[in-house]
Amino acid sequence: MSEAYVDIHCHLLPGIDDGARDWDDALAMARAAVADGTRTIIATPHQLGTFGQNRGDDIRQLTVELNERLEGAGIPLHVLPGGEARLEPELVQKIVSGDVVTLGDRRRHVLVELPHDVYLPLDGLMEELAARRITVILAHPERNLGLAQRTNFLSPLVDAGCLLQITAGSLCGTHGGEAQEFAEWMIGEGLVHLVATDAHGPRTRRPLMGRAYERLCELADEQTAHDLCCRLPARVAAGRTVTIGRRSATRCRAHWFAWRASA
């Protein structure tokens, strides 16, 4: 790897959702991320749904305090504010008001989470936000059961301007064989734009990108790994444009449909 990883999806802020429990957890996660090669993280606590109490200004204030603690501890990591927003009717209004935090607080990309077991259409949300020059990034589609059953939804979704972010651990099998097969198929089809850790703690679901980077080199090539783990996440963190649409298909051809038929 010639460039540092940028992790755009990490539950690093303490005591605010089901991620880091306290400051000790947060600093331990930060040390693990830095040791693995990450230098920038967007903290993305859950917003809306069960975590409707997580307000934008609270996330921003916690991020400032975390950066101060990182500097005091000598940990070379920069953390930006963000959120992982549940799909709800008031989502656009809360993004516009700033109560739902866009990635890096740049007002260019918003990380959206679907319910685990169903796919809900994103077309209307994408159109409303596109009018405000905000792009939807769909979190961990490889772990959504509705999409796994309707893989034909993915290409039109990407063609319409949605960016897809898969979980680093899914490429390494830590979320099960089905998620791994699905993630590998999406990589092969050029449907993935970003890889992130979706880390939740210092002991399990850790903020590690290195193994996923190596796996991407095996599945595709080093340029794809660099784009998905370094270059494109860095553009998101900086509030810069990420090209929408399908990427070039790679040599990876996971046997996803054969696997689905035999399941």
C-alpha atoms as a PDB file:
ATOM      1  CA  MET A   1       0.000   0.000   0.000  1.00  0.00           C
ATOM      2  CA  SER A   2       1.466   3.340  -1.039  1.00  0.00           C
ATOM      3  CA  GLU A   3      -1.179   5.578   0.557  1.00  0.00           C
ATOM      4  CA  ALA A   4      -3.013   5.600   3.888  1.00  0.00           C
ATOM      5  CA  TYR A   5      -6.442   4.060   4.222  1.00  0.00           C
ATOM      6  CA  VAL A   6      -9.432   6.338   4.727  1.00  0.00           C
ATOM      7  CA  ASP A   7     -12.321   4.755   6.626  1.00  0.00           C
ATOM      8  CA  ILE A   8     -15.639   6.481   5.890  1.00  0.00           C
ATOM      9  CA  HIS A   9     -17.828   4.260   8.112  1.00  0.00           C
ATOM     10  CA  CYS A  10     -16.759   3.636  11.708  1.00  0.00           C
ATOM     11  CA  HIS A  11     -18.621   3.702  15.023  1.00  0.00           C
ATOM     12  CA  LEU A  12     -15.770   5.332  16.895  1.00  0.00           C
ATOM     13  CA  LEU A  13     -17.513   7.957  19.013  1.00  0.00           C
ATOM     14  CA  PRO A  14     -18.006   6.642  22.564  1.00  0.00           C
ATOM     15  CA  GLY A  15     -21.278   6.021  24.347  1.00  0.00           C
ATOM     16  CA  ILE A  16     -23.512   7.266  21.560  1.00  0.00           C
ATOM     17  CA  ASP A  17     -24.649   4.056  19.851  1.00  0.00           C
ATOM     18  CA  ASP A  18     -23.653   0.371  19.710  1.00  0.00           C
ATOM     19  CA  GLY A  19     -20.030   1.182  18.891  1.00  0.00           C
ATOM     20  CA  ALA A  20     -17.255   2.278  21.255  1.00  0.00           C
ATOM     21  CA  ARG A  21     -18.513   2.105  24.834  1.00  0.00           C
ATOM     22  CA  ASP A  22     -16.195   4.725  26.345  1.00  0.00           C
ATOM     23  CA  TRP A  23     -13.095   6.777  25.674  1.00  0.00           C
ATOM     24  CA  ASP A  24     -10.824   3.819  26.382  1.00  0.00           C
ATOM     25  CA  ASP A  25     -12.595   1.833  23.642  1.00  0.00           C
ATOM     26  CA  ALA A  26     -12.412   4.756  21.235  1.00  0.00           C
ATOM     27  CA  LEU A  27      -8.667   5.235  21.761  1.00  0.00           C
ATOM     28  CA  ALA A  28      -8.025   1.486  21.484  1.00  0.00           C
ATOM     29  CA  MET A  29      -9.914   1.420  18.187  1.00  0.00           C
ATOM     30  CA  ALA A  30      -7.927   4.421  16.986  1.00  0.00           C
ATOM     31  CA  ARG A  31      -4.607   2.749  17.847  1.00  0.00           C
ATOM     32  CA  ALA A  32      -5.644  -0.412  15.989  1.00  0.00           C
ATOM     33  CA  ALA A  33      -6.682   1.601  12.931  1.00  0.00           C
ATOM     34  CA  VAL A  34      -3.399   3.531  12.836  1.00  0.00           C
ATOM     35  CA  ALA A  35      -1.345   0.348  13.274  1.00  0.00           C
ATOM     36  CA  ASP A  36      -3.222  -1.106  10.277  1.00  0.00           C
ATOM     37  CA  GLY A  37      -2.447   1.897   8.066  1.00  0.00           C
ATOM     38  CA  THR A  38      -5.464   4.201   8.489  1.00  0.00           C
ATOM     39  CA  ARG A  39      -4.896   7.918   9.023  1.00  0.00           C
ATOM     40  CA  THR A  40      -8.400   9.354   8.529  1.00  0.00           C
ATOM     41  CA  ILE A  41     -11.728   8.092   9.871  1.00  0.00           C
ATOM     42  CA  ILE A  42     -15.208   9.509   9.467  1.00  0.00           C
ATOM     43  CA  ALA A  43     -17.084   8.736  12.669  1.00  0.00           C
ATOM     44  CA  THR A  44     -20.557   7.556  11.710  1.00  0.00           C
ATOM     45  CA  PRO A  45     -22.808   6.905  14.710  1.00  0.00           C
ATOM     46  CA  HIS A  46     -26.295   5.662  13.904  1.00  0.00           C
ATOM     47  CA  GLN A  47     -28.878   8.375  13.386  1.00  0.00           C
ATOM     48  CA  LEU A  48     -32.684   8.131  13.255  1.00  0.00           C
ATOM     49  CA  GLY A  49     -34.545   4.909  13.954  1.00  0.00           C
ATOM     50  CA  THR A  50     -33.523   3.467  17.330  1.00  0.00           C
ATOM     51  CA  PHE A  51     -30.894   6.189  17.644  1.00  0.00           C
ATOM     52  CA  GLY A  52     -33.108   9.188  16.995  1.00  0.00           C
ATOM     53  CA  GLN A  53     -31.549  10.928  20.001  1.00  0.00           C
ATOM     54  CA  ASN A  54     -28.223  11.347  18.222  1.00  0.00           C
ATOM     55  CA  ARG A  55     -28.255  14.975  17.158  1.00  0.00           C
ATOM     56  CA  GLY A  56     -25.870  16.572  14.700  1.00  0.00           C
ATOM     57  CA  ASP A  57     -24.349  19.096  17.104  1.00  0.00           C
ATOM     58  CA  ASP A  58     -23.681  16.392  19.697  1.00  0.00           C
ATOM     59  CA  ILE A  59     -21.813  14.352  17.068  1.00  0.00           C
ATOM     60  CA  ARG A  60     -19.754  17.378  16.051  1.00  0.00           C
ATOM     61  CA  GLN A  61     -18.865  18.197  19.656  1.00  0.00           C
ATOM     62  CA  LEU A  62     -17.837  14.604  20.427  1.00  0.00           C
ATOM     63  CA  THR A  63     -15.684  14.549  17.303  1.00  0.00           C
ATOM     64  CA  VAL A  64     -13.831  17.680  18.430  1.00  0.00           C
ATOM     65  CA  GLU A  65     -13.209  16.127  21.845  1.00  0.00           C
ATOM     66  CA  LEU A  66     -12.035  12.849  20.301  1.00  0.00           C
ATOM     67  CA  ASN A  67      -9.500  14.668  18.126  1.00  0.00           C
ATOM     68  CA  GLU A  68      -8.214  16.509  21.187  1.00  0.00           C
ATOM     69  CA  ARG A  69      -7.817  13.212  23.061  1.00  0.00           C
ATOM     70  CA  LEU A  70      -6.080  11.604  20.076  1.00  0.00           C
ATOM     71  CA  GLU A  71      -3.603  14.479  19.918  1.00  0.00           C
ATOM     72  CA  GLY A  72      -3.002  14.250  23.661  1.00  0.00           C
ATOM     73  CA  ALA A  73      -2.360  10.510  23.391  1.00  0.00           C
ATOM     74  CA  GLY A  74      -0.008  10.941  20.429  1.00  0.00           C
ATOM     75  CA  ILE A  75      -2.207   8.912  18.062  1.00  0.00           C
ATOM     76  CA  PRO A  76      -1.758  10.166  14.457  1.00  0.00           C
ATOM     77  CA  LEU A  77      -5.376   9.861  13.387  1.00  0.00           C
ATOM     78  CA  HIS A  78      -7.742  12.574  12.160  1.00  0.00           C
ATOM     79  CA  VAL A  79     -11.462  12.043  12.763  1.00  0.00           C
ATOM     80  CA  LEU A  80     -14.238  13.816  10.874  1.00  0.00           C
ATOM     81  CA  PRO A  81     -17.908  13.936  11.867  1.00  0.00           C
ATOM     82  CA  GLY A  82     -20.550  11.952  10.035  1.00  0.00           C
ATOM     83  CA  GLY A  83     -23.525   9.696  10.566  1.00  0.00           C
ATOM     84  CA  GLU A  84     -25.145   6.506   9.372  1.00  0.00           C
ATOM     85  CA  ALA A  85     -28.743   7.485   8.779  1.00  0.00           C
ATOM     86  CA  ARG A  86     -31.693   5.129   8.811  1.00  0.00           C
ATOM     87  CA  LEU A  87     -34.080   5.552   5.889  1.00  0.00           C
ATOM     88  CA  GLU A  88     -37.035   7.515   7.288  1.00  0.00           C
ATOM     89  CA  PRO A  89     -39.541  10.026   5.808  1.00  0.00           C
ATOM     90  CA  GLU A  90     -37.914  13.037   7.504  1.00  0.00           C
ATOM     91  CA  LEU A  91     -34.389  12.156   6.385  1.00  0.00           C
ATOM     92  CA  VAL A  92     -34.055  14.876   3.721  1.00  0.00           C
ATOM     93  CA  GLN A  93     -35.356  17.555   6.062  1.00  0.00           C
ATOM     94  CA  LYS A  94     -32.867  16.544   8.754  1.00  0.00           C
ATOM     95  CA  ILE A  95     -29.977  16.491   6.277  1.00  0.00           C
ATOM     96  CA  VAL A  96     -30.879  19.990   5.084  1.00  0.00           C
ATOM     97  CA  SER A  97     -31.094  21.261   8.672  1.00  0.00           C
ATOM     98  CA  GLY A  98     -27.766  19.652   9.552  1.00  0.00           C
ATOM     99  CA  ASP A  99     -29.265  17.438  12.239  1.00  0.00           C
ATOM    100  CA  VAL A 100     -28.269  14.375  10.209  1.00  0.00           C
ATOM    101  CA  VAL A 101     -24.551  14.751   9.574  1.00  0.00           C
ATOM    102  CA  THR A 102     -23.268  14.188   6.059  1.00  0.00           C
ATOM    103  CA  LEU A 103     -19.913  12.430   5.659  1.00  0.00           C
ATOM    104  CA  GLY A 104     -17.148  14.712   6.825  1.00  0.00           C
ATOM    105  CA  ASP A 105     -19.893  17.312   7.405  1.00  0.00           C
ATOM    106  CA  ARG A 106     -19.209  18.372   3.801  1.00  0.00           C
ATOM    107  CA  ARG A 107     -22.833  18.234   2.596  1.00  0.00           C
ATOM    108  CA  ARG A 108     -21.791  16.175  -0.428  1.00  0.00           C
ATOM    109  CA  HIS A 109     -22.381  12.537   0.588  1.00  0.00           C
ATOM    110  CA  VAL A 110     -24.777  10.919   3.049  1.00  0.00           C
ATOM    111  CA  LEU A 111     -24.381   7.374   4.363  1.00  0.00           C
ATOM    112  CA  VAL A 112     -27.737   5.573   4.390  1.00  0.00           C
ATOM    113  CA  GLU A 113     -28.574   2.301   6.101  1.00  0.00           C
ATOM    114  CA  LEU A 114     -31.472   0.025   5.131  1.00  0.00           C
ATOM    115  CA  PRO A 115     -33.214  -2.451   7.432  1.00  0.00           C
ATOM    116  CA  HIS A 116     -31.270  -5.711   7.485  1.00  0.00           C
ATOM    117  CA  ASP A 117     -33.982  -7.935   6.069  1.00  0.00           C
ATOM    118  CA  VAL A 118     -35.650  -5.881   3.317  1.00  0.00           C
ATOM    119  CA  TYR A 119     -34.753  -3.549   0.491  1.00  0.00           C
ATOM    120  CA  LEU A 120     -36.590  -0.220   0.437  1.00  0.00           C
ATOM    121  CA  PRO A 121     -36.499   1.889  -2.754  1.00  0.00           C
ATOM    122  CA  LEU A 122     -34.048   4.783  -2.704  1.00  0.00           C
ATOM    123  CA  ASP A 123     -35.094   6.512  -5.930  1.00  0.00           C
ATOM    124  CA  GLY A 124     -37.121   9.314  -4.369  1.00  0.00           C
ATOM    125  CA  LEU A 125     -34.472  10.061  -1.755  1.00  0.00           C
ATOM    126  CA  MET A 126     -31.728  10.114  -4.374  1.00  0.00           C
ATOM    127  CA  GLU A 127     -33.661  12.523  -6.597  1.00  0.00           C
ATOM    128  CA  GLU A 128     -34.378  14.929  -3.741  1.00  0.00           C
ATOM    129  CA  LEU A 129     -30.779  14.934  -2.580  1.00  0.00           C
ATOM    130  CA  ALA A 130     -29.303  15.129  -6.091  1.00  0.00           C
ATOM    131  CA  ALA A 131     -31.152  18.426  -6.507  1.00  0.00           C
ATOM    132  CA  ARG A 132     -29.059  19.611  -3.550  1.00  0.00           C
ATOM    133  CA  ARG A 133     -25.846  18.094  -4.975  1.00  0.00           C
ATOM    134  CA  ILE A 134     -25.780  15.416  -2.296  1.00  0.00           C
ATOM    135  CA  THR A 135     -25.041  11.810  -3.251  1.00  0.00           C
ATOM    136  CA  VAL A 136     -26.373   8.772  -1.406  1.00  0.00           C
ATOM    137  CA  ILE A 137     -23.870   6.145  -0.279  1.00  0.00           C
ATOM    138  CA  LEU A 138     -25.595   2.874   0.594  1.00  0.00           C
ATOM    139  CA  ALA A 139     -23.935   1.160   3.552  1.00  0.00           C
ATOM    140  CA  HIS A 140     -23.118  -2.567   3.431  1.00  0.00           C
ATOM    141  CA  PRO A 141     -25.536  -3.680   0.657  1.00  0.00           C
ATOM    142  CA  GLU A 142     -23.924  -7.142   0.725  1.00  0.00           C
ATOM    143  CA  ARG A 143     -25.517  -7.701   4.142  1.00  0.00           C
ATOM    144  CA  ASN A 144     -29.047  -6.736   3.062  1.00  0.00           C
ATOM    145  CA  LEU A 145     -31.223  -9.820   2.619  1.00  0.00           C
ATOM    146  CA  GLY A 146     -33.626  -8.060   0.267  1.00  0.00           C
ATOM    147  CA  LEU A 147     -30.842  -7.172  -2.163  1.00  0.00           C
ATOM    148  CA  ALA A 148     -29.338 -10.651  -1.915  1.00  0.00           C
ATOM    149  CA  GLN A 149     -32.663 -12.000  -3.168  1.00  0.00           C
ATOM    150  CA  ARG A 150     -32.985  -9.343  -5.898  1.00  0.00           C
ATOM    151  CA  THR A 151     -29.519  -8.759  -7.268  1.00  0.00           C
ATOM    152  CA  ASN A 152     -31.039  -7.243 -10.423  1.00  0.00           C
ATOM    153  CA  PHE A 153     -31.881  -4.141  -8.346  1.00  0.00           C
ATOM    154  CA  LEU A 154     -28.223  -3.221  -7.967  1.00  0.00           C
ATOM    155  CA  SER A 155     -27.228  -2.165 -11.490  1.00  0.00           C
ATOM    156  CA  PRO A 156     -30.163   0.261 -11.931  1.00  0.00           C
ATOM    157  CA  LEU A 157     -29.486   1.652  -8.465  1.00  0.00           C
ATOM    158  CA  VAL A 158     -25.843   2.323  -9.309  1.00  0.00           C
ATOM    159  CA  ASP A 159     -26.723   3.652 -12.766  1.00  0.00           C
ATOM    160  CA  ALA A 160     -29.104   6.106 -11.094  1.00  0.00           C
ATOM    161  CA  GLY A 161     -26.254   7.573  -9.061  1.00  0.00           C
ATOM    162  CA  CYS A 162     -26.066   5.616  -5.815  1.00  0.00           C
ATOM    163  CA  LEU A 163     -22.588   4.763  -4.508  1.00  0.00           C
ATOM    164  CA  LEU A 164     -22.157   1.372  -2.814  1.00  0.00           C
ATOM    165  CA  GLN A 165     -19.961   0.844   0.250  1.00  0.00           C
ATOM    166  CA  ILE A 166     -19.187  -2.711   1.287  1.00  0.00           C
ATOM    167  CA  THR A 167     -17.725  -3.785   4.617  1.00  0.00           C
ATOM    168  CA  ALA A 168     -14.059  -4.715   4.793  1.00  0.00           C
ATOM    169  CA  GLY A 169     -14.870  -7.723   6.975  1.00  0.00           C
ATOM    170  CA  SER A 170     -17.343  -9.071   4.426  1.00  0.00           C
ATOM    171  CA  LEU A 171     -14.483  -9.592   1.968  1.00  0.00           C
ATOM    172  CA  CYS A 172     -12.698 -11.665   4.610  1.00  0.00           C
ATOM    173  CA  GLY A 173     -15.673 -13.812   5.656  1.00  0.00           C
ATOM    174  CA  THR A 174     -16.281 -12.259   9.064  1.00  0.00           C
ATOM    175  CA  HIS A 175     -19.943 -11.596   8.221  1.00  0.00           C
ATOM    176  CA  GLY A 176     -20.524 -15.082   6.867  1.00  0.00           C
ATOM    177  CA  GLY A 177     -20.185 -16.872   3.576  1.00  0.00           C
ATOM    178  CA  GLU A 178     -23.282 -15.377   1.973  1.00  0.00           C
ATOM    179  CA  ALA A 179     -22.127 -11.788   2.543  1.00  0.00           C
ATOM    180  CA  GLN A 180     -18.654 -12.676   1.292  1.00  0.00           C
ATOM    181  CA  GLU A 181     -19.950 -14.293  -1.898  1.00  0.00           C
ATOM    182  CA  PHE A 182     -22.253 -11.361  -2.564  1.00  0.00           C
ATOM    183  CA  ALA A 183     -19.500  -8.793  -1.923  1.00  0.00           C
ATOM    184  CA  GLU A 184     -17.109 -10.613  -4.242  1.00  0.00           C
ATOM    185  CA  TRP A 185     -19.729 -10.774  -6.967  1.00  0.00           C
ATOM    186  CA  MET A 186     -20.364  -7.033  -6.653  1.00  0.00           C
ATOM    187  CA  ILE A 187     -16.636  -6.347  -6.927  1.00  0.00           C
ATOM    188  CA  GLY A 188     -16.461  -8.471 -10.064  1.00  0.00           C
ATOM    189  CA  GLU A 189     -19.400  -6.630 -11.611  1.00  0.00           C
ATOM    190  CA  GLY A 190     -17.894  -3.197 -10.949  1.00  0.00           C
ATOM    191  CA  LEU A 191     -20.708  -2.182  -8.607  1.00  0.00           C
ATOM    192  CA  VAL A 192     -18.615  -1.235  -5.564  1.00  0.00           C
ATOM    193  CA  HIS A 193     -17.210   2.259  -5.063  1.00  0.00           C
ATOM    194  CA  LEU A 194     -15.984   2.219  -1.463  1.00  0.00           C
ATOM    195  CA  VAL A 195     -14.787  -0.179   1.234  1.00  0.00           C
ATOM    196  CA  ALA A 196     -15.048   0.755   4.924  1.00  0.00           C
ATOM    197  CA  THR A 197     -14.780  -1.083   8.228  1.00  0.00           C
ATOM    198  CA  ASP A 198     -18.140  -0.391   9.902  1.00  0.00           C
ATOM    199  CA  ALA A 199     -16.105  -1.043  13.047  1.00  0.00           C
ATOM    200  CA  HIS A 200     -17.888  -1.197  16.386  1.00  0.00           C
ATOM    201  CA  GLY A 201     -15.237  -2.036  18.963  1.00  0.00           C
ATOM    202  CA  PRO A 202     -11.591  -2.730  19.832  1.00  0.00           C
ATOM    203  CA  ARG A 203     -11.991  -6.515  20.157  1.00  0.00           C
ATOM    204  CA  THR A 204     -14.677  -7.549  17.667  1.00  0.00           C
ATOM    205  CA  ARG A 205     -15.616  -5.773  14.433  1.00  0.00           C
ATOM    206  CA  ARG A 206     -12.348  -3.852  14.635  1.00  0.00           C
ATOM    207  CA  PRO A 207     -11.372  -0.908  12.376  1.00  0.00           C
ATOM    208  CA  LEU A 208      -9.068  -2.919  10.114  1.00  0.00           C
ATOM    209  CA  MET A 209      -8.722  -2.408   6.352  1.00  0.00           C
ATOM    210  CA  GLY A 210      -5.490  -4.234   5.532  1.00  0.00           C
ATOM    211  CA  ARG A 211      -6.874  -7.738   5.001  1.00  0.00           C
ATOM    212  CA  ALA A 212      -9.657  -6.398   2.766  1.00  0.00           C
ATOM    213  CA  TYR A 213      -7.079  -4.479   0.711  1.00  0.00           C
ATOM    214  CA  GLU A 214      -5.065  -7.668   0.217  1.00  0.00           C
ATOM    215  CA  ARG A 215      -8.198  -9.589  -0.701  1.00  0.00           C
ATOM    216  CA  LEU A 216      -9.119  -6.966  -3.294  1.00  0.00           C
ATOM    217  CA  CYS A 217      -5.666  -7.323  -4.833  1.00  0.00           C
ATOM    218  CA  GLU A 218      -6.372 -11.065  -5.163  1.00  0.00           C
ATOM    219  CA  LEU A 219      -9.903 -10.647  -6.497  1.00  0.00           C
ATOM    220  CA  ALA A 220      -9.189  -7.765  -8.851  1.00  0.00           C
ATOM    221  CA  ASP A 221      -5.911  -5.818  -8.855  1.00  0.00           C
ATOM    222  CA  GLU A 222      -3.938  -3.344  -6.789  1.00  0.00           C
ATOM    223  CA  GLN A 223      -5.459  -0.324  -8.547  1.00  0.00           C
ATOM    224  CA  THR A 224      -8.970  -1.443  -7.586  1.00  0.00           C
ATOM    225  CA  ALA A 225      -7.852  -2.014  -3.992  1.00  0.00           C
ATOM    226  CA  HIS A 226      -6.244   1.428  -3.879  1.00  0.00           C
ATOM    227  CA  ASP A 227      -9.311   3.117  -5.362  1.00  0.00           C
ATOM    228  CA  LEU A 228     -11.805   1.475  -3.003  1.00  0.00           C
ATOM    229  CA  CYS A 229      -9.789   1.723   0.221  1.00  0.00           C
ATOM    230  CA  CYS A 230      -7.745   4.904  -0.259  1.00  0.00           C
ATOM    231  CA  ARG A 231      -8.383   7.217  -3.203  1.00  0.00           C
ATOM    232  CA  LEU A 232     -12.178   7.321  -3.408  1.00  0.00           C
ATOM    233  CA  PRO A 233     -12.792   7.363   0.378  1.00  0.00           C
ATOM    234  CA  ALA A 234     -10.325  10.269   0.571  1.00  0.00           C
ATOM    235  CA  ARG A 235     -12.412  12.156  -1.991  1.00  0.00           C
ATOM    236  CA  VAL A 236     -15.532  11.554   0.112  1.00  0.00           C
ATOM    237  CA  ALA A 237     -13.752  12.775   3.251  1.00  0.00           C
ATOM    238  CA  ALA A 238     -12.685  15.926   1.402  1.00  0.00           C
ATOM    239  CA  GLY A 239     -16.179  16.566   0.023  1.00  0.00           C
ATOM    240  CA  ARG A 240     -15.038  15.998  -3.541  1.00  0.00           C
ATOM    241  CA  THR A 241     -16.935  14.288  -6.345  1.00  0.00           C
ATOM    242  CA  VAL A 242     -16.798  10.512  -6.736  1.00  0.00           C
ATOM    243  CA  THR A 243     -17.697   9.344 -10.227  1.00  0.00           C
ATOM    244  CA  ILE A 244     -21.054   7.593 -10.178  1.00  0.00           C
ATOM    245  CA  GLY A 245     -22.056   4.564 -12.229  1.00  0.00           C
ATOM    246  CA  ARG A 246     -20.485   1.163 -12.651  1.00  0.00           C
ATOM    247  CA  ARG A 247     -16.749   0.769 -12.515  1.00  0.00           C
ATOM    248  CA  SER A 248     -14.951  -1.433 -15.023  1.00  0.00           C
ATOM    249  CA  ALA A 249     -15.620  -5.105 -14.344  1.00  0.00           C
ATOM    250  CA  THR A 250     -12.614  -6.951 -12.937  1.00  0.00           C
ATOM    251  CA  ARG A 251     -11.215 -10.409 -13.451  1.00  0.00           C
ATOM    252  CA  CYS A 252     -13.033 -11.478 -10.270  1.00  0.00           C
ATOM    253  CA  ARG A 253     -16.008 -13.683 -11.099  1.00  0.00           C
ATOM    254  CA  ALA A 254     -17.352 -15.068  -7.848  1.00  0.00           C
ATOM    255  CA  HIS A 255     -19.863 -17.850  -8.379  1.00  0.00           C
ATOM    256  CA  TRP A 256     -22.670 -15.875  -6.781  1.00  0.00           C
ATOM    257  CA  PHE A 257     -25.583 -17.052  -8.897  1.00  0.00           C
ATOM    258  CA  ALA A 258     -24.414 -20.675  -8.790  1.00  0.00           C
ATOM    259  CA  TRP A 259     -24.148 -20.307  -5.013  1.00  0.00           C
ATOM    260  CA  ARG A 260     -27.670 -18.837  -4.767  1.00  0.00           C
ATOM    261  CA  ALA A 261     -29.084 -21.704  -6.818  1.00  0.00           C
ATOM    262  CA  SER A 262     -27.557 -24.283  -4.507  1.00  0.00           C
ATOM    263  CA  ALA A 263     -28.463 -22.523  -1.260  1.00  0.00           C
END
